[in-house]
Amino acid sequence: MDAAFAVHKEIKRHTGAVITMGSGAIISFSTKQKVNACSSTEAELVAVCDIIDKILWIKNFIEWQGFEVN
């Protein structure tokens, strides 16, 4: 997960994330953040809030299939 600070015309930030399994990427996300942040640190925290629900859903789905997630 990463966030880019002030990259859009309206000074909004951008969030990107890649989830890997083994040696390959299984899913990736790239979205414009819905809120303005005052710093790159705040943009990173907003990115975590934007992506964490997707990460937890994928983790739970993999566990429901009987695999152990570390």
PDB file of N, CA and C in Angstrom:
ATOM      1  N   MET A   1       0.847  -1.153   0.000  1.00  0.00           N
ATOM      2  CA  MET A   1       0.000   0.000   0.000  1.00  0.00           C
ATOM      3  C   MET A   1       0.903   1.229   0.000  1.00  0.00           C
ATOM      4  N   ASP A   2       0.485   2.208  -0.790  1.00  0.00           N
ATOM      5  CA  ASP A   2       1.224   3.463  -0.838  1.00  0.00           C
ATOM      6  C   ASP A   2       0.260   4.578  -1.215  1.00  0.00           C
ATOM      7  N   ALA A   3       0.618   5.777  -0.888  1.00  0.00           N
ATOM      8  CA  ALA A   3      -0.193   6.943  -1.241  1.00  0.00           C
ATOM      9  C   ALA A   3       0.706   8.003  -1.854  1.00  0.00           C
ATOM     10  N   ALA A   4       0.188   8.685  -2.872  1.00  0.00           N
ATOM     11  CA  ALA A   4       0.901   9.797  -3.502  1.00  0.00           C
ATOM     12  C   ALA A   4       0.227  11.091  -3.059  1.00  0.00           C
ATOM     13  N   PHE A   5       1.030  12.087  -2.723  1.00  0.00           N
ATOM     14  CA  PHE A   5       0.544  13.337  -2.135  1.00  0.00           C
ATOM     15  C   PHE A   5       0.351  14.399  -3.214  1.00  0.00           C
ATOM     16  N   ALA A   6      -0.853  14.995  -3.305  1.00  0.00           N
ATOM     17  CA  ALA A   6      -1.174  16.137  -4.168  1.00  0.00           C
ATOM     18  C   ALA A   6      -0.839  15.897  -5.640  1.00  0.00           C
ATOM     19  N   VAL A   7      -1.362  14.810  -6.201  1.00  0.00           N
ATOM     20  CA  VAL A   7      -1.059  14.493  -7.595  1.00  0.00           C
ATOM     21  C   VAL A   7      -2.188  14.841  -8.566  1.00  0.00           C
ATOM     22  N   HIS A   8      -3.350  15.196  -8.069  1.00  0.00           N
ATOM     23  CA  HIS A   8      -4.476  15.542  -8.928  1.00  0.00           C
ATOM     24  C   HIS A   8      -4.709  17.057  -8.905  1.00  0.00           C
ATOM     25  N   LYS A   9      -5.398  17.579  -9.920  1.00  0.00           N
ATOM     26  CA  LYS A   9      -5.631  19.020 -10.046  1.00  0.00           C
ATOM     27  C   LYS A   9      -6.286  19.618  -8.808  1.00  0.00           C
ATOM     28  N   GLU A  10      -7.231  18.906  -8.226  1.00  0.00           N
ATOM     29  CA  GLU A  10      -7.929  19.427  -7.049  1.00  0.00           C
ATOM     30  C   GLU A  10      -7.171  19.111  -5.754  1.00  0.00           C
ATOM     31  N   ILE A  11      -5.900  18.806  -5.850  1.00  0.00           N
ATOM     32  CA  ILE A  11      -4.990  18.568  -4.727  1.00  0.00           C
ATOM     33  C   ILE A  11      -5.368  17.298  -3.942  1.00  0.00           C
ATOM     34  N   LYS A  12      -6.097  16.404  -4.558  1.00  0.00           N
ATOM     35  CA  LYS A  12      -6.405  15.133  -3.888  1.00  0.00           C
ATOM     36  C   LYS A  12      -5.240  14.172  -4.064  1.00  0.00           C
ATOM     37  N   ARG A  13      -5.202  13.175  -3.203  1.00  0.00           N
ATOM     38  CA  ARG A  13      -4.115  12.209  -3.190  1.00  0.00           C
ATOM     39  C   ARG A  13      -4.559  10.931  -3.901  1.00  0.00           C
ATOM     40  N   HIS A  14      -3.624  10.014  -4.117  1.00  0.00           N
ATOM     41  CA  HIS A  14      -3.908   8.772  -4.819  1.00  0.00           C
ATOM     42  C   HIS A  14      -3.425   7.600  -3.962  1.00  0.00           C
ATOM     43  N   THR A  15      -4.238   6.548  -3.916  1.00  0.00           N
ATOM     44  CA  THR A  15      -3.913   5.348  -3.151  1.00  0.00           C
ATOM     45  C   THR A  15      -3.689   4.193  -4.101  1.00  0.00           C
ATOM     46  N   GLY A  16      -2.671   3.391  -3.823  1.00  0.00           N
ATOM     47  CA  GLY A  16      -2.421   2.178  -4.589  1.00  0.00           C
ATOM     48  C   GLY A  16      -2.035   1.053  -3.648  1.00  0.00           C
ATOM     49  N   ALA A  17      -2.445  -0.168  -3.987  1.00  0.00           N
ATOM     50  CA  ALA A  17      -2.108  -1.328  -3.161  1.00  0.00           C
ATOM     51  C   ALA A  17      -2.021  -2.562  -4.046  1.00  0.00           C
ATOM     52  N   VAL A  18      -1.155  -3.491  -3.668  1.00  0.00           N
ATOM     53  CA  VAL A  18      -1.025  -4.772  -4.356  1.00  0.00           C
ATOM     54  C   VAL A  18      -1.011  -5.855  -3.289  1.00  0.00           C
ATOM     55  N   ILE A  19      -1.830  -6.883  -3.498  1.00  0.00           N
ATOM     56  CA  ILE A  19      -1.851  -8.025  -2.592  1.00  0.00           C
ATOM     57  C   ILE A  19      -1.206  -9.193  -3.321  1.00  0.00           C
ATOM     58  N   THR A  20      -0.203  -9.801  -2.684  1.00  0.00           N
ATOM     59  CA  THR A  20       0.517 -10.910  -3.294  1.00  0.00           C
ATOM     60  C   THR A  20       0.228 -12.208  -2.558  1.00  0.00           C
ATOM     61  N   MET A  21       0.377 -13.289  -3.289  1.00  0.00           N
ATOM     62  CA  MET A  21       0.263 -14.623  -2.704  1.00  0.00           C
ATOM     63  C   MET A  21       1.375 -15.452  -3.330  1.00  0.00           C
ATOM     64  N   GLY A  22       2.281 -15.926  -2.506  1.00  0.00           N
ATOM     65  CA  GLY A  22       3.440 -16.612  -3.051  1.00  0.00           C
ATOM     66  C   GLY A  22       4.337 -15.606  -3.739  1.00  0.00           C
ATOM     67  N   SER A  23       4.625 -15.848  -5.009  1.00  0.00           N
ATOM     68  CA  SER A  23       5.520 -14.938  -5.730  1.00  0.00           C
ATOM     69  C   SER A  23       4.785 -14.073  -6.750  1.00  0.00           C
ATOM     70  N   GLY A  24       3.455 -14.058  -6.704  1.00  0.00           N
ATOM     71  CA  GLY A  24       2.724 -13.268  -7.682  1.00  0.00           C
ATOM     72  C   GLY A  24       1.655 -12.392  -7.070  1.00  0.00           C
ATOM     73  N   ALA A  25       1.275 -11.357  -7.791  1.00  0.00           N
ATOM     74  CA  ALA A  25       0.206 -10.458  -7.356  1.00  0.00           C
ATOM     75  C   ALA A  25      -1.135 -11.101  -7.690  1.00  0.00           C
ATOM     76  N   ILE A  26      -2.071 -11.097  -6.715  1.00  0.00           N
ATOM     77  CA  ILE A  26      -3.393 -11.662  -6.983  1.00  0.00           C
ATOM     78  C   ILE A  26      -4.436 -10.575  -7.216  1.00  0.00           C
ATOM     79  N   ILE A  27      -4.180  -9.372  -6.714  1.00  0.00           N
ATOM     80  CA  ILE A  27      -5.123  -8.272  -6.917  1.00  0.00           C
ATOM     81  C   ILE A  27      -4.398  -6.952  -6.678  1.00  0.00           C
ATOM     82  N   SER A  28      -4.841  -5.912  -7.367  1.00  0.00           N
ATOM     83  CA  SER A  28      -4.265  -4.595  -7.145  1.00  0.00           C
ATOM     84  C   SER A  28      -5.371  -3.548  -7.150  1.00  0.00           C
ATOM     85  N   PHE A  29      -5.130  -2.448  -6.462  1.00  0.00           N
ATOM     86  CA  PHE A  29      -6.082  -1.347  -6.350  1.00  0.00           C
ATOM     87  C   PHE A  29      -5.363  -0.052  -6.676  1.00  0.00           C
ATOM     88  N   SER A  30      -6.063   0.868  -7.304  1.00  0.00           N
ATOM     89  CA  SER A  30      -5.536   2.202  -7.555  1.00  0.00           C
ATOM     90  C   SER A  30      -6.721   3.151  -7.614  1.00  0.00           C
ATOM     91  N   THR A  31      -6.822   4.055  -6.624  1.00  0.00           N
ATOM     92  CA  THR A  31      -7.973   4.947  -6.558  1.00  0.00           C
ATOM     93  C   THR A  31      -7.562   6.346  -6.101  1.00  0.00           C
ATOM     94  N   LYS A  32      -8.364   7.326  -6.501  1.00  0.00           N
ATOM     95  CA  LYS A  32      -8.193   8.683  -6.002  1.00  0.00           C
ATOM     96  C   LYS A  32      -8.824   8.741  -4.617  1.00  0.00           C
ATOM     97  N   GLN A  33      -8.135   9.337  -3.660  1.00  0.00           N
ATOM     98  CA  GLN A  33      -8.693   9.461  -2.316  1.00  0.00           C
ATOM     99  C   GLN A  33      -9.861  10.435  -2.324  1.00  0.00           C
ATOM    100  N   LYS A  34     -10.871  10.141  -1.507  1.00  0.00           N
ATOM    101  CA  LYS A  34     -12.093  10.944  -1.481  1.00  0.00           C
ATOM    102  C   LYS A  34     -11.955  12.223  -0.649  1.00  0.00           C
ATOM    103  N   VAL A  35     -10.944  12.288   0.194  1.00  0.00           N
ATOM    104  CA  VAL A  35     -10.766  13.453   1.061  1.00  0.00           C
ATOM    105  C   VAL A  35      -9.393  14.072   0.820  1.00  0.00           C
ATOM    106  N   ASN A  36      -9.257  15.341   1.160  1.00  0.00           N
ATOM    107  CA  ASN A  36      -7.966  16.010   1.071  1.00  0.00           C
ATOM    108  C   ASN A  36      -7.197  15.797   2.363  1.00  0.00           C
ATOM    109  N   ALA A  37      -5.907  15.560   2.238  1.00  0.00           N
ATOM    110  CA  ALA A  37      -5.042  15.397   3.395  1.00  0.00           C
ATOM    111  C   ALA A  37      -4.065  16.568   3.433  1.00  0.00           C
ATOM    112  N   CYS A  38      -3.595  16.896   4.617  1.00  0.00           N
ATOM    113  CA  CYS A  38      -2.700  18.050   4.786  1.00  0.00           C
ATOM    114  C   CYS A  38      -1.226  17.690   4.660  1.00  0.00           C
ATOM    115  N   SER A  39      -0.905  16.396   4.646  1.00  0.00           N
ATOM    116  CA  SER A  39       0.494  15.982   4.559  1.00  0.00           C
ATOM    117  C   SER A  39       0.569  14.593   3.936  1.00  0.00           C
ATOM    118  N   SER A  40       1.774  14.184   3.576  1.00  0.00           N
ATOM    119  CA  SER A  40       1.945  12.853   3.012  1.00  0.00           C
ATOM    120  C   SER A  40       1.664  11.776   4.062  1.00  0.00           C
ATOM    121  N   THR A  41       1.961  12.061   5.329  1.00  0.00           N
ATOM    122  CA  THR A  41       1.668  11.116   6.402  1.00  0.00           C
ATOM    123  C   THR A  41       0.164  10.905   6.543  1.00  0.00           C
ATOM    124  N   GLU A  42      -0.589  11.989   6.493  1.00  0.00           N
ATOM    125  CA  GLU A  42      -2.042  11.884   6.573  1.00  0.00           C
ATOM    126  C   GLU A  42      -2.596  11.149   5.354  1.00  0.00           C
ATOM    127  N   ALA A  43      -2.000  11.369   4.177  1.00  0.00           N
ATOM    128  CA  ALA A  43      -2.431  10.660   2.968  1.00  0.00           C
ATOM    129  C   ALA A  43      -2.205   9.162   3.117  1.00  0.00           C
ATOM    130  N   GLU A  44      -1.101   8.757   3.761  1.00  0.00           N
ATOM    131  CA  GLU A  44      -0.843   7.338   4.012  1.00  0.00           C
ATOM    132  C   GLU A  44      -1.906   6.741   4.933  1.00  0.00           C
ATOM    133  N   LEU A  45      -2.295   7.486   5.970  1.00  0.00           N
ATOM    134  CA  LEU A  45      -3.325   6.994   6.896  1.00  0.00           C
ATOM    135  C   LEU A  45      -4.690   6.871   6.206  1.00  0.00           C
ATOM    136  N   VAL A  46      -5.006   7.822   5.350  1.00  0.00           N
ATOM    137  CA  VAL A  46      -6.257   7.743   4.588  1.00  0.00           C
ATOM    138  C   VAL A  46      -6.212   6.526   3.666  1.00  0.00           C
ATOM    139  N   ALA A  47      -5.052   6.248   3.071  1.00  0.00           N
ATOM    140  CA  ALA A  47      -4.901   5.085   2.197  1.00  0.00           C
ATOM    141  C   ALA A  47      -5.160   3.788   2.964  1.00  0.00           C
ATOM    142  N   VAL A  48      -4.641   3.687   4.176  1.00  0.00           N
ATOM    143  CA  VAL A  48      -4.879   2.499   4.999  1.00  0.00           C
ATOM    144  C   VAL A  48      -6.379   2.329   5.245  1.00  0.00           C
ATOM    145  N   CYS A  49      -7.066   3.409   5.581  1.00  0.00           N
ATOM    146  CA  CYS A  49      -8.514   3.350   5.819  1.00  0.00           C
ATOM    147  C   CYS A  49      -9.271   2.954   4.562  1.00  0.00           C
ATOM    148  N   ASP A  50      -8.814   3.392   3.397  1.00  0.00           N
ATOM    149  CA  ASP A  50      -9.478   3.066   2.136  1.00  0.00           C
ATOM    150  C   ASP A  50      -9.315   1.594   1.755  1.00  0.00           C
ATOM    151  N   ILE A  51      -8.198   0.990   2.097  1.00  0.00           N
ATOM    152  CA  ILE A  51      -7.856  -0.348   1.606  1.00  0.00           C
ATOM    153  C   ILE A  51      -8.077  -1.459   2.632  1.00  0.00           C
ATOM    154  N   ILE A  52      -8.066  -1.163   3.926  1.00  0.00           N
ATOM    155  CA  ILE A  52      -8.056  -2.211   4.952  1.00  0.00           C
ATOM    156  C   ILE A  52      -9.253  -3.153   4.854  1.00  0.00           C
ATOM    157  N   ASP A  53     -10.441  -2.658   4.497  1.00  0.00           N
ATOM    158  CA  ASP A  53     -11.599  -3.543   4.405  1.00  0.00           C
ATOM    159  C   ASP A  53     -11.423  -4.580   3.297  1.00  0.00           C
ATOM    160  N   LYS A  54     -10.816  -4.203   2.183  1.00  0.00           N
ATOM    161  CA  LYS A  54     -10.568  -5.142   1.092  1.00  0.00           C
ATOM    162  C   LYS A  54      -9.526  -6.191   1.491  1.00  0.00           C
ATOM    163  N   ILE A  55      -8.488  -5.742   2.181  1.00  0.00           N
ATOM    164  CA  ILE A  55      -7.439  -6.659   2.629  1.00  0.00           C
ATOM    165  C   ILE A  55      -8.010  -7.681   3.603  1.00  0.00           C
ATOM    166  N   LEU A  56      -8.806  -7.234   4.565  1.00  0.00           N
ATOM    167  CA  LEU A  56      -9.379  -8.151   5.546  1.00  0.00           C
ATOM    168  C   LEU A  56     -10.358  -9.126   4.898  1.00  0.00           C
ATOM    169  N   TRP A  57     -11.146  -8.658   3.918  1.00  0.00           N
ATOM    170  CA  TRP A  57     -12.079  -9.544   3.240  1.00  0.00           C
ATOM    171  C   TRP A  57     -11.324 -10.644   2.501  1.00  0.00           C
ATOM    172  N   ILE A  58     -10.246 -10.287   1.789  1.00  0.00           N
ATOM    173  CA  ILE A  58      -9.459 -11.271   1.051  1.00  0.00           C
ATOM    174  C   ILE A  58      -8.796 -12.255   2.005  1.00  0.00           C
ATOM    175  N   LYS A  59      -8.258 -11.762   3.120  1.00  0.00           N
ATOM    176  CA  LYS A  59      -7.644 -12.637   4.128  1.00  0.00           C
ATOM    177  C   LYS A  59      -8.664 -13.638   4.652  1.00  0.00           C
ATOM    178  N   ASN A  60      -9.842 -13.158   5.028  1.00  0.00           N
ATOM    179  CA  ASN A  60     -10.885 -14.052   5.536  1.00  0.00           C
ATOM    180  C   ASN A  60     -11.332 -15.051   4.472  1.00  0.00           C
ATOM    181  N   PHE A  61     -11.479 -14.622   3.227  1.00  0.00           N
ATOM    182  CA  PHE A  61     -11.881 -15.512   2.151  1.00  0.00           C
ATOM    183  C   PHE A  61     -10.877 -16.653   1.981  1.00  0.00           C
ATOM    184  N   ILE A  62      -9.592 -16.328   1.999  1.00  0.00           N
ATOM    185  CA  ILE A  62      -8.555 -17.359   1.855  1.00  0.00           C
ATOM    186  C   ILE A  62      -8.615 -18.337   3.026  1.00  0.00           C
ATOM    187  N   GLU A  63      -8.812 -17.819   4.246  1.00  0.00           N
ATOM    188  CA  GLU A  63      -8.924 -18.696   5.414  1.00  0.00           C
ATOM    189  C   GLU A  63     -10.169 -19.575   5.328  1.00  0.00           C
ATOM    190  N   TRP A  64     -11.278 -19.040   4.825  1.00  0.00           N
ATOM    191  CA  TRP A  64     -12.512 -19.827   4.681  1.00  0.00           C
ATOM    192  C   TRP A  64     -12.327 -20.975   3.687  1.00  0.00           C
ATOM    193  N   GLN A  65     -11.356 -20.843   2.788  1.00  0.00           N
ATOM    194  CA  GLN A  65     -11.075 -21.922   1.840  1.00  0.00           C
ATOM    195  C   GLN A  65     -10.198 -23.013   2.452  1.00  0.00           C
ATOM    196  N   GLY A  66      -9.798 -22.806   3.719  1.00  0.00           N
ATOM    197  CA  GLY A  66      -9.017 -23.816   4.424  1.00  0.00           C
ATOM    198  C   GLY A  66      -7.520 -23.591   4.435  1.00  0.00           C
ATOM    199  N   PHE A  67      -7.068 -22.454   3.942  1.00  0.00           N
ATOM    200  CA  PHE A  67      -5.637 -22.146   3.920  1.00  0.00           C
ATOM    201  C   PHE A  67      -5.255 -21.321   5.149  1.00  0.00           C
ATOM    202  N   GLU A  68      -4.026 -21.497   5.600  1.00  0.00           N
ATOM    203  CA  GLU A  68      -3.520 -20.709   6.729  1.00  0.00           C
ATOM    204  C   GLU A  68      -2.879 -19.429   6.213  1.00  0.00           C
ATOM    205  N   VAL A  69      -3.237 -18.311   6.796  1.00  0.00           N
ATOM    206  CA  VAL A  69      -2.688 -17.009   6.406  1.00  0.00           C
ATOM    207  C   VAL A  69      -1.798 -16.512   7.544  1.00  0.00           C
ATOM    208  N   ASN A  70      -0.553 -16.191   7.221  1.00  0.00           N
ATOM    209  CA  ASN A  70       0.374 -15.675   8.236  1.00  0.00           C
ATOM    210  C   ASN A  70       0.441 -14.184   8.170  1.00  0.00           C
TER     211      ASN A  70
END
